[in-house]
Amino acid sequence: MATMTFYCVKCHAKKDVDEKDWTRTTMKNGRPAAKAKCPDCGTGMYRILPKDT
């Protein structure tokens, strides 16, 4: 199973999130991103993905 590393601003730490727990989204400017919730505090986390994914 693939994992992706996000940064939680509230916890000030990097978190590994499993593929089943994050979703791909598109930001307003058209860039792809990944969206997840912090497993510890529940804060929303985003990660900008490369344009070719």
PDB file of N, CA and C in Angstrom:
ATOM      1  N   MET A   1       0.843  -1.180   0.000  1.00  0.00           N
ATOM      2  CA  MET A   1       0.000   0.000   0.000  1.00  0.00           C
ATOM      3  C   MET A   1       0.888   1.244   0.000  1.00  0.00           C
ATOM      4  N   ALA A   2       0.533   2.210  -0.802  1.00  0.00           N
ATOM      5  CA  ALA A   2       1.325   3.426  -0.922  1.00  0.00           C
ATOM      6  C   ALA A   2       0.979   4.408   0.193  1.00  0.00           C
ATOM      7  N   THR A   3       1.980   5.112   0.668  1.00  0.00           N
ATOM      8  CA  THR A   3       1.767   6.159   1.656  1.00  0.00           C
ATOM      9  C   THR A   3       2.305   7.467   1.110  1.00  0.00           C
ATOM     10  N   MET A   4       1.776   8.563   1.623  1.00  0.00           N
ATOM     11  CA  MET A   4       2.233   9.881   1.229  1.00  0.00           C
ATOM     12  C   MET A   4       2.511  10.662   2.508  1.00  0.00           C
ATOM     13  N   THR A   5       3.545  11.465   2.501  1.00  0.00           N
ATOM     14  CA  THR A   5       3.907  12.247   3.670  1.00  0.00           C
ATOM     15  C   THR A   5       3.305  13.642   3.553  1.00  0.00           C
ATOM     16  N   PHE A   6       2.562  14.040   4.571  1.00  0.00           N
ATOM     17  CA  PHE A   6       1.966  15.363   4.676  1.00  0.00           C
ATOM     18  C   PHE A   6       2.597  16.073   5.864  1.00  0.00           C
ATOM     19  N   TYR A   7       2.455  17.399   5.927  1.00  0.00           N
ATOM     20  CA  TYR A   7       2.937  18.163   7.070  1.00  0.00           C
ATOM     21  C   TYR A   7       1.733  18.757   7.784  1.00  0.00           C
ATOM     22  N   CYS A   8       1.595  18.467   9.072  1.00  0.00           N
ATOM     23  CA  CYS A   8       0.507  19.016   9.868  1.00  0.00           C
ATOM     24  C   CYS A   8       0.981  20.315  10.506  1.00  0.00           C
ATOM     25  N   VAL A   9       0.306  21.415  10.214  1.00  0.00           N
ATOM     26  CA  VAL A   9       0.695  22.719  10.731  1.00  0.00           C
ATOM     27  C   VAL A   9       0.397  22.815  12.229  1.00  0.00           C
ATOM     28  N   LYS A  10      -0.638  22.158  12.668  1.00  0.00           N
ATOM     29  CA  LYS A  10      -1.013  22.219  14.081  1.00  0.00           C
ATOM     30  C   LYS A  10      -0.058  21.391  14.955  1.00  0.00           C
ATOM     31  N   CYS A  11       0.308  20.194  14.515  1.00  0.00           N
ATOM     32  CA  CYS A  11       1.225  19.327  15.272  1.00  0.00           C
ATOM     33  C   CYS A  11       2.693  19.677  15.040  1.00  0.00           C
ATOM     34  N   HIS A  12       2.991  20.437  13.986  1.00  0.00           N
ATOM     35  CA  HIS A  12       4.358  20.772  13.590  1.00  0.00           C
ATOM     36  C   HIS A  12       5.187  19.515  13.345  1.00  0.00           C
ATOM     37  N   ALA A  13       4.593  18.548  12.629  1.00  0.00           N
ATOM     38  CA  ALA A  13       5.290  17.295  12.358  1.00  0.00           C
ATOM     39  C   ALA A  13       4.839  16.722  11.020  1.00  0.00           C
ATOM     40  N   LYS A  14       5.724  15.918  10.426  1.00  0.00           N
ATOM     41  CA  LYS A  14       5.375  15.204   9.203  1.00  0.00           C
ATOM     42  C   LYS A  14       4.612  13.945   9.572  1.00  0.00           C
ATOM     43  N   LYS A  15       3.571  13.627   8.792  1.00  0.00           N
ATOM     44  CA  LYS A  15       2.739  12.458   9.054  1.00  0.00           C
ATOM     45  C   LYS A  15       2.642  11.622   7.782  1.00  0.00           C
ATOM     46  N   ASP A  16       2.782  10.322   7.922  1.00  0.00           N
ATOM     47  CA  ASP A  16       2.576   9.403   6.814  1.00  0.00           C
ATOM     48  C   ASP A  16       1.118   8.974   6.812  1.00  0.00           C
ATOM     49  N   VAL A  17       0.469   9.113   5.652  1.00  0.00           N
ATOM     50  CA  VAL A  17      -0.942   8.787   5.520  1.00  0.00           C
ATOM     51  C   VAL A  17      -1.082   7.726   4.438  1.00  0.00           C
ATOM     52  N   ASP A  18      -1.826   6.650   4.718  1.00  0.00           N
ATOM     53  CA  ASP A  18      -2.052   5.582   3.755  1.00  0.00           C
ATOM     54  C   ASP A  18      -2.888   6.078   2.586  1.00  0.00           C
ATOM     55  N   GLU A  19      -2.771   5.395   1.461  1.00  0.00           N
ATOM     56  CA  GLU A  19      -3.456   5.792   0.236  1.00  0.00           C
ATOM     57  C   GLU A  19      -4.977   5.805   0.396  1.00  0.00           C
ATOM     58  N   LYS A  20      -5.509   4.930   1.215  1.00  0.00           N
ATOM     59  CA  LYS A  20      -6.963   4.878   1.390  1.00  0.00           C
ATOM     60  C   LYS A  20      -7.489   6.059   2.204  1.00  0.00           C
ATOM     61  N   ASP A  21      -6.606   6.813   2.878  1.00  0.00           N
ATOM     62  CA  ASP A  21      -7.023   7.908   3.743  1.00  0.00           C
ATOM     63  C   ASP A  21      -6.828   9.295   3.134  1.00  0.00           C
ATOM     64  N   TRP A  22      -6.300   9.392   1.933  1.00  0.00           N
ATOM     65  CA  TRP A  22      -6.183  10.698   1.279  1.00  0.00           C
ATOM     66  C   TRP A  22      -6.833  10.649  -0.098  1.00  0.00           C
ATOM     67  N   THR A  23      -7.217  11.824  -0.588  1.00  0.00           N
ATOM     68  CA  THR A  23      -7.886  11.919  -1.887  1.00  0.00           C
ATOM     69  C   THR A  23      -7.181  12.955  -2.753  1.00  0.00           C
ATOM     70  N   ARG A  24      -7.256  12.738  -4.056  1.00  0.00           N
ATOM     71  CA  ARG A  24      -6.709  13.709  -5.014  1.00  0.00           C
ATOM     72  C   ARG A  24      -7.764  14.787  -5.263  1.00  0.00           C
ATOM     73  N   THR A  25      -7.315  16.039  -5.291  1.00  0.00           N
ATOM     74  CA  THR A  25      -8.193  17.163  -5.581  1.00  0.00           C
ATOM     75  C   THR A  25      -7.480  18.098  -6.542  1.00  0.00           C
ATOM     76  N   THR A  26      -8.193  19.087  -7.023  1.00  0.00           N
ATOM     77  CA  THR A  26      -7.618  20.117  -7.879  1.00  0.00           C
ATOM     78  C   THR A  26      -7.843  21.466  -7.210  1.00  0.00           C
ATOM     79  N   MET A  27      -6.782  22.242  -7.073  1.00  0.00           N
ATOM     80  CA  MET A  27      -6.900  23.558  -6.454  1.00  0.00           C
ATOM     81  C   MET A  27      -7.519  24.536  -7.446  1.00  0.00           C
ATOM     82  N   LYS A  28      -7.879  25.729  -6.982  1.00  0.00           N
ATOM     83  CA  LYS A  28      -8.531  26.727  -7.823  1.00  0.00           C
ATOM     84  C   LYS A  28      -7.693  27.122  -9.035  1.00  0.00           C
ATOM     85  N   ASN A  29      -6.377  27.082  -8.901  1.00  0.00           N
ATOM     86  CA  ASN A  29      -5.510  27.473 -10.013  1.00  0.00           C
ATOM     87  C   ASN A  29      -5.229  26.320 -10.976  1.00  0.00           C
ATOM     88  N   GLY A  30      -5.849  25.160 -10.744  1.00  0.00           N
ATOM     89  CA  GLY A  30      -5.703  24.034 -11.648  1.00  0.00           C
ATOM     90  C   GLY A  30      -4.618  23.043 -11.271  1.00  0.00           C
ATOM     91  N   ARG A  31      -3.840  23.327 -10.249  1.00  0.00           N
ATOM     92  CA  ARG A  31      -2.778  22.412  -9.831  1.00  0.00           C
ATOM     93  C   ARG A  31      -3.365  21.222  -9.094  1.00  0.00           C
ATOM     94  N   PRO A  32      -2.830  20.031  -9.323  1.00  0.00           N
ATOM     95  CA  PRO A  32      -3.297  18.857  -8.569  1.00  0.00           C
ATOM     96  C   PRO A  32      -2.758  18.900  -7.139  1.00  0.00           C
ATOM     97  N   ALA A  33      -3.551  18.367  -6.218  1.00  0.00           N
ATOM     98  CA  ALA A  33      -3.154  18.330  -4.811  1.00  0.00           C
ATOM     99  C   ALA A  33      -3.725  17.079  -4.171  1.00  0.00           C
ATOM    100  N   ALA A  34      -3.235  16.763  -2.992  1.00  0.00           N
ATOM    101  CA  ALA A  34      -3.761  15.655  -2.204  1.00  0.00           C
ATOM    102  C   ALA A  34      -4.269  16.234  -0.894  1.00  0.00           C
ATOM    103  N   LYS A  35      -5.373  15.694  -0.407  1.00  0.00           N
ATOM    104  CA  LYS A  35      -6.028  16.199   0.792  1.00  0.00           C
ATOM    105  C   LYS A  35      -6.197  15.049   1.778  1.00  0.00           C
ATOM    106  N   ALA A  36      -5.881  15.313   3.048  1.00  0.00           N
ATOM    107  CA  ALA A  36      -6.008  14.288   4.088  1.00  0.00           C
ATOM    108  C   ALA A  36      -6.294  14.953   5.424  1.00  0.00           C
ATOM    109  N   LYS A  37      -6.623  14.140   6.408  1.00  0.00           N
ATOM    110  CA  LYS A  37      -6.793  14.626   7.777  1.00  0.00           C
ATOM    111  C   LYS A  37      -5.678  14.051   8.627  1.00  0.00           C
ATOM    112  N   CYS A  38      -5.176  14.849   9.561  1.00  0.00           N
ATOM    113  CA  CYS A  38      -4.130  14.407  10.468  1.00  0.00           C
ATOM    114  C   CYS A  38      -4.671  13.276  11.337  1.00  0.00           C
ATOM    115  N   PRO A  39      -3.944  12.158  11.413  1.00  0.00           N
ATOM    116  CA  PRO A  39      -4.420  11.041  12.231  1.00  0.00           C
ATOM    117  C   PRO A  39      -4.433  11.343  13.729  1.00  0.00           C
ATOM    118  N   ASP A  40      -3.681  12.353  14.185  1.00  0.00           N
ATOM    119  CA  ASP A  40      -3.611  12.673  15.610  1.00  0.00           C
ATOM    120  C   ASP A  40      -4.604  13.756  16.033  1.00  0.00           C
ATOM    121  N   CYS A  41      -4.638  14.882  15.293  1.00  0.00           N
ATOM    122  CA  CYS A  41      -5.471  16.009  15.734  1.00  0.00           C
ATOM    123  C   CYS A  41      -6.678  16.270  14.841  1.00  0.00           C
ATOM    124  N   GLY A  42      -6.732  15.676  13.649  1.00  0.00           N
ATOM    125  CA  GLY A  42      -7.885  15.846  12.769  1.00  0.00           C
ATOM    126  C   GLY A  42      -7.853  17.087  11.893  1.00  0.00           C
ATOM    127  N   THR A  43      -6.771  17.828  11.906  1.00  0.00           N
ATOM    128  CA  THR A  43      -6.635  19.018  11.076  1.00  0.00           C
ATOM    129  C   THR A  43      -6.484  18.623   9.608  1.00  0.00           C
ATOM    130  N   GLY A  44      -7.084  19.394   8.714  1.00  0.00           N
ATOM    131  CA  GLY A  44      -6.951  19.137   7.290  1.00  0.00           C
ATOM    132  C   GLY A  44      -5.541  19.431   6.819  1.00  0.00           C
ATOM    133  N   MET A  45      -4.984  18.527   6.007  1.00  0.00           N
ATOM    134  CA  MET A  45      -3.635  18.695   5.477  1.00  0.00           C
ATOM    135  C   MET A  45      -3.698  18.620   3.954  1.00  0.00           C
ATOM    136  N   TYR A  46      -2.894  19.430   3.290  1.00  0.00           N
ATOM    137  CA  TYR A  46      -2.821  19.432   1.838  1.00  0.00           C
ATOM    138  C   TYR A  46      -1.378  19.255   1.409  1.00  0.00           C
ATOM    139  N   ARG A  47      -1.224  18.660   0.228  1.00  0.00           N
ATOM    140  CA  ARG A  47       0.092  18.544  -0.373  1.00  0.00           C
ATOM    141  C   ARG A  47      -0.062  18.807  -1.859  1.00  0.00           C
ATOM    142  N   ILE A  48       0.740  19.725  -2.394  1.00  0.00           N
ATOM    143  CA  ILE A  48       0.702  20.035  -3.815  1.00  0.00           C
ATOM    144  C   ILE A  48       1.470  18.960  -4.560  1.00  0.00           C
ATOM    145  N   LEU A  49       0.861  18.425  -5.606  1.00  0.00           N
ATOM    146  CA  LEU A  49       1.462  17.357  -6.394  1.00  0.00           C
ATOM    147  C   LEU A  49       2.066  17.926  -7.673  1.00  0.00           C
ATOM    148  N   PRO A  50       2.970  17.187  -8.311  1.00  0.00           N
ATOM    149  CA  PRO A  50       3.524  17.637  -9.604  1.00  0.00           C
ATOM    150  C   PRO A  50       2.423  17.738 -10.655  1.00  0.00           C
ATOM    151  N   LYS A  51       2.622  18.608 -11.633  1.00  0.00           N
ATOM    152  CA  LYS A  51       1.610  18.837 -12.663  1.00  0.00           C
ATOM    153  C   LYS A  51       1.350  17.621 -13.524  1.00  0.00           C
ATOM    154  N   ASP A  52       2.296  16.724 -13.674  1.00  0.00           N
ATOM    155  CA  ASP A  52       2.138  15.593 -14.581  1.00  0.00           C
ATOM    156  C   ASP A  52       1.487  14.374 -13.937  1.00  0.00           C
ATOM    157  N   THR A  53       0.928  14.491 -12.722  1.00  0.00           N
ATOM    158  CA  THR A  53       0.273  13.342 -12.090  1.00  0.00           C
ATOM    159  C   THR A  53      -1.220  13.414 -12.247  1.00  0.00           C
TER     160      THR A  53
END
